[in-house]
Amino acid sequence: MTVLTIFFCGTGSTKFDTTNENYWDGELVSTLASHHLGREFAEWIVVDGPGSGNLQADDLFTKSEEYGLSGTLFGKGWEQNVQHAINIIKGQCDWQREQLTEEEYSRLKAAGIPIEDVKVEGSWFWRKYNYGDRSVTQQALQEQIIKTFRKDGVIPTQVNLVGWSRGGISCHMLANAMFKDSELKNIPVNIFAIDPVPGISNFQDDKVKLGANVKEYVGFYARDERSKGFCCVIPQTATGTQTHIYPIPGRHATVSGNASPDGVSGPKTLAEPGRFVRHFAEVCLQRWGVQLDKSLNLTHADLQNLGKAMVDAEAKYRLMHNYSYTYFTELDQGERYVSLGSKGVNFSTVKGTVYAPATGLTTSVLDVAAYQHIC
């Protein structure tokens, strides 16, 4: 039995954001991935987000391109991320990096990716640059790791998905791609989504609906985000899927560990939402069969104190309504506008018996008992 956990970073975010200066204790998804005690590729992978610079191009199990600004604005590249994840699940690549181009080499080297130095051959007059032919590719090595360390066959018996922002939407896309694949459709899937935001014109069914292969869905949503184009998705789940959704004070980045007053950069002021979400992400992953290092292991009293601190800082969170990642703000009857499946609704209307707790996006952070559903 092998439990595979796939971590999808958000737009512009990478596996190296464990030390990003805008996240005082590391961006949540990359940090969770770095704390996984299993063997990479066999038991877990982390996938860089759209618009992050294509720094993983050397390792991916499918061919990717550098989409630049279109990755940031429109999510270009996330289809390749999903295909890469599908191939990892199956343990077989559909493309291998046999040689780097000069452009690819320079980009990876400049970003600090550990690759061999370029080889210079010949005298200065007819000098040639060898950017690396490989008799054994990264993909071949990773395939062998998968074959060696996955137990009872290459196909995992369970898949956990964790994602923030477009990484959260990538979780939806991957779960749906698995459900359409005859080889993977019966694998149980668990999802932990952190403010899943698809961006403008990205509300197709594979991003806003989920199939019966998703056994449990846990989502945390940023209550105080007001950026235009940052409409988050509460997916339509199948009958029988345990669905748990919670609001959390702060902006889109706040819930992933940014503690600044404006949700962009600045001093560590509002760290409680990130700690709160991280704790429950760790709890869910451990419950889903993942061994983690450096878990917070917060007590009931710790959670009460965090909740009280968030309530006491309400005025600071309200000030966040004036900020926008996209210059324009979007106010709808004084609250965030969200996508319930494919339907646009107000944040506080998302509740009902389909969710546990039924209070849904009106749940108070002071109601610690409401979180027992995911413990």
Protein backbone atom coordinates (compact mmCIF):
# COMPACT_ATOMS: atom_id res chain seq x y z
CA MET A 1 0.00 0.00 0.00
CA THR A 2 1.37 3.41 -1.00
CA VAL A 3 -0.19 6.75 -0.15
CA LEU A 4 0.97 9.40 -2.61
CA THR A 5 0.66 13.07 -1.66
CA ILE A 6 0.90 15.76 -4.34
CA PHE A 7 1.52 19.36 -3.31
CA PHE A 8 0.53 22.05 -5.83
CA CYS A 9 2.07 25.48 -5.27
CA GLY A 10 0.11 28.62 -6.10
CA THR A 11 0.62 31.07 -8.94
CA GLY A 12 4.22 32.30 -8.96
CA SER A 13 5.11 30.05 -6.02
CA THR A 14 7.72 27.28 -5.99
CA LYS A 15 9.08 24.50 -3.81
CA PHE A 16 11.76 26.96 -2.68
CA ASP A 17 9.25 29.25 -0.96
CA THR A 18 10.03 27.60 2.35
CA THR A 19 12.42 30.54 2.70
CA ASN A 20 10.45 33.23 0.86
CA GLU A 21 10.88 36.52 2.72
CA ASN A 22 7.17 37.31 2.40
CA TYR A 23 6.30 34.27 4.54
CA TRP A 24 7.81 34.54 7.99
CA ASP A 25 7.77 30.76 8.55
CA GLY A 26 7.59 29.57 4.95
CA GLU A 27 4.77 29.47 2.41
CA LEU A 28 2.39 26.75 3.55
CA VAL A 29 2.33 24.29 0.63
CA SER A 30 6.09 24.22 0.05
CA THR A 31 6.65 23.98 3.81
CA LEU A 32 4.29 21.04 4.19
CA ALA A 33 6.02 19.28 1.30
CA SER A 34 9.44 19.84 2.86
CA HIS A 35 8.21 18.23 6.09
CA HIS A 36 7.01 15.02 4.42
CA LEU A 37 9.09 12.15 5.81
CA GLY A 38 8.48 9.79 2.89
CA ARG A 39 10.54 9.29 -0.24
CA GLU A 40 10.16 11.95 -2.90
CA PHE A 41 8.59 10.77 -6.18
CA ALA A 42 7.49 7.46 -4.66
CA GLU A 43 5.41 8.96 -1.84
CA TRP A 44 5.23 12.68 -2.52
CA ILE A 45 5.98 15.39 -5.05
CA VAL A 46 5.71 19.16 -5.03
CA VAL A 47 4.74 20.98 -8.23
CA ASP A 48 5.64 24.62 -8.86
CA GLY A 49 2.74 26.93 -9.67
CA PRO A 50 1.87 28.60 -12.99
CA GLY A 51 3.96 31.67 -13.72
CA SER A 52 6.77 30.58 -11.39
CA GLY A 53 9.52 30.49 -14.02
CA ASN A 54 9.38 26.85 -15.11
CA LEU A 55 12.20 25.95 -12.73
CA GLN A 56 11.11 22.31 -12.60
CA ALA A 57 11.30 21.82 -16.37
CA ASP A 58 14.35 19.60 -15.93
CA ASP A 59 12.42 17.13 -13.74
CA LEU A 60 8.89 17.02 -15.10
CA PHE A 61 7.39 13.80 -16.44
CA THR A 62 5.86 15.69 -19.37
CA LYS A 63 7.20 18.43 -21.64
CA SER A 64 6.55 21.96 -20.44
CA GLU A 65 7.09 25.46 -21.73
CA GLU A 66 7.89 28.83 -20.19
CA TYR A 67 4.62 30.78 -20.34
CA GLY A 68 5.82 33.90 -18.56
CA LEU A 69 3.12 36.47 -17.89
CA SER A 70 0.36 34.30 -19.36
CA GLY A 71 1.12 31.78 -16.63
CA THR A 72 0.61 34.42 -13.96
CA LEU A 73 -2.47 36.00 -15.51
CA PHE A 74 -4.28 33.02 -16.98
CA GLY A 75 -2.75 29.93 -15.37
CA LYS A 76 -1.02 28.73 -18.54
CA GLY A 77 1.03 25.66 -17.75
CA TRP A 78 -1.26 24.09 -15.17
CA GLU A 79 -2.48 21.51 -17.69
CA GLN A 80 1.12 20.31 -17.97
CA ASN A 81 1.38 20.28 -14.18
CA VAL A 82 -1.67 18.03 -14.01
CA GLN A 83 -0.31 15.73 -16.73
CA HIS A 84 3.00 15.56 -14.88
CA ALA A 85 1.13 14.49 -11.75
CA ILE A 86 -0.84 11.86 -13.69
CA ASN A 87 2.41 10.45 -15.04
CA ILE A 88 3.96 10.42 -11.56
CA ILE A 89 0.95 8.50 -10.26
CA LYS A 90 1.42 5.94 -13.04
CA GLY A 91 5.19 5.94 -12.58
CA GLN A 92 5.91 6.55 -16.24
CA CYS A 93 7.02 9.71 -18.03
CA ASP A 94 5.95 10.67 -21.55
CA TRP A 95 9.02 12.85 -22.11
CA GLN A 96 12.62 12.98 -20.88
CA ARG A 97 15.13 15.80 -20.63
CA GLU A 98 18.16 14.51 -22.51
CA GLN A 99 19.88 17.84 -23.08
CA LEU A 100 19.48 21.40 -21.85
CA THR A 101 19.48 24.34 -24.25
CA GLU A 102 21.59 27.38 -23.41
CA GLU A 103 18.46 29.35 -22.48
CA GLU A 104 17.16 26.59 -20.21
CA TYR A 105 20.57 26.12 -18.61
CA SER A 106 20.95 29.84 -17.93
CA ARG A 107 17.49 30.17 -16.40
CA LEU A 108 17.95 27.22 -14.06
CA LYS A 109 21.47 28.27 -13.08
CA ALA A 110 20.39 31.85 -12.36
CA ALA A 111 17.61 30.58 -10.13
CA GLY A 112 20.07 28.55 -8.07
CA ILE A 113 18.82 25.15 -9.23
CA PRO A 114 21.55 22.56 -8.54
CA ILE A 115 22.75 21.49 -12.00
CA GLU A 116 26.20 20.69 -13.34
CA ASP A 117 28.37 23.51 -14.65
CA VAL A 118 28.53 23.90 -18.41
CA LYS A 119 31.42 22.07 -20.07
CA VAL A 120 33.71 24.09 -22.34
CA GLU A 121 35.50 22.21 -25.10
CA GLY A 122 38.25 23.34 -27.52
CA SER A 123 40.33 26.51 -27.73
CA TRP A 124 38.86 29.99 -27.53
CA PHE A 125 38.67 30.27 -31.34
CA TRP A 126 36.44 27.24 -31.94
CA ARG A 127 35.08 26.85 -28.45
CA LYS A 128 31.96 24.70 -27.99
CA TYR A 129 29.61 24.67 -25.02
CA ASN A 130 28.10 21.41 -23.86
CA TYR A 131 25.03 22.00 -21.75
CA GLY A 132 24.71 18.39 -20.78
CA ASP A 133 23.88 15.21 -22.67
CA ARG A 134 22.48 12.58 -20.36
CA SER A 135 22.79 8.85 -20.75
CA VAL A 136 20.52 8.53 -17.72
CA THR A 137 17.85 11.21 -17.44
CA GLN A 138 16.26 12.68 -14.33
CA GLN A 139 13.00 11.08 -15.38
CA ALA A 140 14.56 7.62 -15.69
CA LEU A 141 16.05 7.92 -12.21
CA GLN A 142 12.72 9.00 -10.76
CA GLU A 143 10.88 6.18 -12.50
CA GLN A 144 13.27 3.73 -10.86
CA ILE A 145 12.69 5.31 -7.44
CA ILE A 146 8.96 4.86 -7.96
CA LYS A 147 9.32 1.22 -9.02
CA THR A 148 11.61 0.45 -6.11
CA PHE A 149 9.83 2.17 -3.25
CA ARG A 150 6.13 1.97 -4.02
CA LYS A 151 4.67 -1.01 -2.23
CA ASP A 152 2.40 -3.59 -3.85
CA GLY A 153 2.69 -2.14 -7.33
CA VAL A 154 3.40 1.20 -8.95
CA ILE A 155 -0.14 2.60 -8.80
CA PRO A 156 -0.76 4.11 -5.33
CA THR A 157 -3.71 2.96 -3.26
CA GLN A 158 -4.61 6.50 -2.17
CA VAL A 159 -3.80 10.00 -3.39
CA ASN A 160 -3.82 13.13 -1.22
CA LEU A 161 -3.82 16.54 -2.89
CA VAL A 162 -2.81 19.81 -1.25
CA GLY A 163 -2.89 23.15 -3.04
CA TRP A 164 -3.10 26.90 -2.58
CA SER A 165 -4.52 29.43 -5.06
CA ARG A 166 -4.31 27.98 -8.58
CA GLY A 167 -2.63 25.04 -6.89
CA GLY A 168 -5.94 24.40 -5.14
CA ILE A 169 -7.71 24.47 -8.49
CA SER A 170 -5.03 22.14 -9.86
CA CYS A 171 -6.14 19.68 -7.17
CA HIS A 172 -9.65 19.82 -8.63
CA MET A 173 -8.30 19.36 -12.16
CA LEU A 174 -6.14 16.39 -11.21
CA ALA A 175 -8.91 14.65 -9.28
CA ASN A 176 -11.18 15.01 -12.31
CA ALA A 177 -8.47 13.82 -14.70
CA MET A 178 -8.00 10.75 -12.51
CA PHE A 179 -11.74 10.09 -12.50
CA LYS A 180 -11.75 10.07 -16.31
CA ASP A 181 -8.79 7.67 -16.47
CA SER A 182 -9.81 4.00 -16.38
CA GLU A 183 -6.57 3.07 -14.65
CA LEU A 184 -6.93 5.68 -11.89
CA LYS A 185 -10.66 6.34 -11.44
CA ASN A 186 -11.06 4.00 -8.46
CA ILE A 187 -8.21 5.46 -6.41
CA PRO A 188 -9.64 7.33 -3.39
CA VAL A 189 -8.64 11.00 -3.35
CA ASN A 190 -8.50 13.45 -0.43
CA ILE A 191 -8.11 17.19 -1.03
CA PHE A 192 -6.93 19.98 1.25
CA ALA A 193 -7.47 23.26 -0.63
CA ILE A 194 -6.32 26.67 0.55
CA ASP A 195 -8.30 29.52 -1.03
CA PRO A 196 -8.53 27.89 -4.48
CA VAL A 197 -8.68 30.70 -7.06
CA PRO A 198 -8.73 29.93 -10.81
CA GLY A 199 -8.48 33.47 -12.17
CA ILE A 200 -10.55 35.20 -14.82
CA SER A 201 -12.45 32.97 -17.29
CA ASN A 202 -11.27 29.74 -15.66
CA PHE A 203 -14.51 28.34 -14.25
CA GLN A 204 -14.90 25.26 -16.44
CA ASP A 205 -16.42 22.10 -14.94
CA ASP A 206 -13.08 20.40 -14.30
CA LYS A 207 -12.20 23.32 -12.02
CA VAL A 208 -15.48 23.79 -10.14
CA LYS A 209 -16.94 20.28 -9.82
CA LEU A 210 -15.60 17.05 -8.34
CA GLY A 211 -16.39 13.39 -8.93
CA ALA A 212 -17.14 10.50 -6.62
CA ASN A 213 -13.45 9.54 -6.41
CA VAL A 214 -12.96 12.45 -3.99
CA LYS A 215 -13.74 10.96 -0.60
CA GLU A 216 -13.00 14.02 1.52
CA TYR A 217 -12.67 17.70 0.69
CA VAL A 218 -11.35 20.26 3.17
CA GLY A 219 -11.19 23.91 2.13
CA PHE A 220 -10.12 27.08 3.93
CA TYR A 221 -11.22 30.37 2.36
CA ALA A 222 -9.86 33.89 2.87
CA ARG A 223 -12.74 35.97 4.16
CA ASP A 224 -11.16 39.39 3.62
CA GLU A 225 -9.84 39.10 0.06
CA ARG A 226 -11.31 41.76 -2.24
CA SER A 227 -9.04 41.72 -5.31
CA LYS A 228 -10.92 41.71 -8.58
CA GLY A 229 -10.30 38.43 -10.38
CA PHE A 230 -9.70 36.55 -7.12
CA CYS A 231 -13.06 34.82 -6.89
CA CYS A 232 -12.46 31.56 -5.01
CA VAL A 233 -14.19 28.26 -5.78
CA ILE A 234 -16.23 26.13 -3.42
CA PRO A 235 -16.56 23.06 -5.64
CA GLN A 236 -19.71 21.10 -6.25
CA THR A 237 -18.90 17.73 -4.70
CA ALA A 238 -20.47 14.34 -5.33
CA THR A 239 -23.01 12.73 -3.04
CA GLY A 240 -21.07 10.86 -0.38
CA THR A 241 -18.03 13.16 -0.39
CA GLN A 242 -17.29 14.46 3.09
CA THR A 243 -17.10 18.20 2.49
CA HIS A 244 -15.73 20.61 5.08
CA ILE A 245 -15.31 24.32 4.35
CA TYR A 246 -14.15 27.04 6.71
CA PRO A 247 -13.67 30.80 6.51
CA ILE A 248 -10.48 32.32 7.83
CA PRO A 249 -9.68 36.01 8.39
CA GLY A 250 -7.20 37.59 6.02
CA ARG A 251 -6.32 37.88 2.38
CA HIS A 252 -5.39 35.28 -0.21
CA ALA A 253 -1.75 35.09 0.91
CA THR A 254 -2.55 35.48 4.60
CA VAL A 255 -4.05 32.01 4.77
CA SER A 256 -0.88 30.54 3.26
CA GLY A 257 1.44 32.08 5.82
CA ASN A 258 1.92 35.74 4.89
CA ALA A 259 1.62 37.69 8.15
CA SER A 260 1.88 41.26 6.85
CA PRO A 261 -0.89 43.84 7.45
CA ASP A 262 -1.62 44.19 3.72
CA GLY A 263 -1.25 40.52 2.79
CA VAL A 264 1.72 41.27 0.53
CA SER A 265 4.87 42.23 2.42
CA GLY A 266 5.85 43.79 5.67
CA PRO A 267 6.30 42.93 9.33
CA LYS A 268 4.92 39.82 10.99
CA THR A 269 1.66 41.22 12.34
CA LEU A 270 -1.15 38.77 11.56
CA ALA A 271 0.39 35.30 11.82
CA GLU A 272 -2.60 33.56 13.41
CA PRO A 273 -4.55 32.61 10.23
CA GLY A 274 -1.52 30.91 8.69
CA ARG A 275 -0.82 28.97 11.89
CA PHE A 276 -4.45 27.95 12.17
CA VAL A 277 -4.63 26.63 8.60
CA ARG A 278 -1.24 24.94 8.80
CA HIS A 279 -2.26 23.05 11.94
CA PHE A 280 -5.38 21.63 10.32
CA ALA A 281 -3.51 20.82 7.10
CA GLU A 282 -1.07 18.79 9.18
CA VAL A 283 -3.89 17.12 11.11
CA CYS A 284 -5.65 16.11 7.89
CA LEU A 285 -2.50 14.83 6.21
CA GLN A 286 -1.58 12.75 9.23
CA ARG A 287 -5.10 11.37 9.38
CA TRP A 288 -4.76 10.50 5.69
CA GLY A 289 -1.66 8.40 6.33
CA VAL A 290 1.18 10.92 5.92
CA GLN A 291 4.16 11.10 8.25
CA LEU A 292 5.27 14.69 8.84
CA ASP A 293 8.19 16.31 10.58
CA LYS A 294 8.01 19.58 12.55
CA SER A 295 4.23 19.59 13.00
CA LEU A 296 2.72 22.35 15.13
CA ASN A 297 0.61 19.93 17.21
CA LEU A 298 -1.56 22.75 18.57
CA THR A 299 -3.69 22.05 21.63
CA HIS A 300 -7.33 22.98 22.14
CA ALA A 301 -6.15 25.92 24.24
CA ASP A 302 -3.72 27.00 21.50
CA LEU A 303 -6.54 27.04 18.96
CA GLN A 304 -8.75 29.04 21.30
CA ASN A 305 -5.99 31.59 21.76
CA LEU A 306 -5.41 31.87 18.02
CA GLY A 307 -9.14 32.29 17.45
CA LYS A 308 -9.38 35.00 20.08
CA ALA A 309 -6.39 36.84 18.61
CA MET A 310 -8.02 36.81 15.17
CA VAL A 311 -11.30 38.15 16.55
CA ASP A 312 -9.48 40.85 18.52
CA ALA A 313 -7.69 41.95 15.33
CA GLU A 314 -10.93 42.33 13.36
CA ALA A 315 -10.26 46.00 12.59
CA LYS A 316 -6.92 45.11 10.98
CA TYR A 317 -8.53 42.47 8.79
CA ARG A 318 -11.21 44.93 7.68
CA LEU A 319 -8.49 47.29 6.49
CA MET A 320 -7.40 44.55 4.09
CA HIS A 321 -10.58 45.16 2.09
CA ASN A 322 -8.92 48.27 0.67
CA TYR A 323 -6.00 46.37 -0.88
CA SER A 324 -5.88 44.52 -4.17
CA TYR A 325 -3.36 42.30 -5.94
CA THR A 326 -4.84 43.45 -9.25
CA TYR A 327 -5.25 47.19 -8.48
CA PHE A 328 -9.07 46.96 -8.58
CA THR A 329 -11.14 45.83 -5.62
CA GLU A 330 -14.38 43.90 -5.84
CA LEU A 331 -17.03 44.59 -3.21
CA ASP A 332 -20.37 42.80 -3.21
CA GLN A 333 -22.72 43.75 -0.40
CA GLY A 334 -19.72 44.19 1.86
CA GLU A 335 -18.30 40.70 1.45
CA ARG A 336 -16.27 38.56 -0.90
CA TYR A 337 -17.88 37.23 -4.07
CA VAL A 338 -17.25 33.50 -4.57
CA SER A 339 -18.06 30.73 -7.02
CA LEU A 340 -20.25 27.97 -5.59
CA GLY A 341 -19.67 25.40 -8.27
CA SER A 342 -20.18 27.56 -11.36
CA LYS A 343 -22.60 29.99 -9.69
CA GLY A 344 -21.48 33.34 -8.28
CA VAL A 345 -22.74 34.01 -4.75
CA ASN A 346 -21.84 35.99 -1.65
CA PHE A 347 -19.34 34.47 0.77
CA SER A 348 -21.66 34.08 3.75
CA THR A 349 -24.39 32.30 1.78
CA VAL A 350 -22.27 29.16 1.39
CA LYS A 351 -23.58 26.91 4.13
CA GLY A 352 -26.05 24.09 4.64
CA THR A 353 -26.31 20.42 5.50
CA VAL A 354 -24.16 19.36 2.56
CA TYR A 355 -21.25 20.64 4.65
CA ALA A 356 -19.91 19.55 8.02
CA PRO A 357 -20.20 21.78 9.92
CA ALA A 358 -23.40 23.07 8.34
CA THR A 359 -22.34 26.63 9.21
CA GLY A 360 -19.94 26.46 6.25
CA LEU A 361 -18.39 29.82 5.45
CA THR A 362 -20.07 31.45 8.44
CA THR A 363 -18.23 29.26 10.97
CA SER A 364 -16.52 31.24 13.72
CA VAL A 365 -12.84 30.68 14.49
CA LEU A 366 -13.92 30.73 18.14
CA ASP A 367 -16.02 27.61 17.61
CA VAL A 368 -13.17 25.14 18.02
CA ALA A 369 -15.64 22.25 18.22
CA ALA A 370 -16.62 22.91 14.59
CA TYR A 371 -13.17 21.75 13.52
CA GLN A 372 -13.57 18.32 15.09
CA HIS A 373 -15.06 17.22 11.77
CA ILE A 374 -11.56 17.24 10.26
CA CYS A 375 -9.60 15.94 13.24
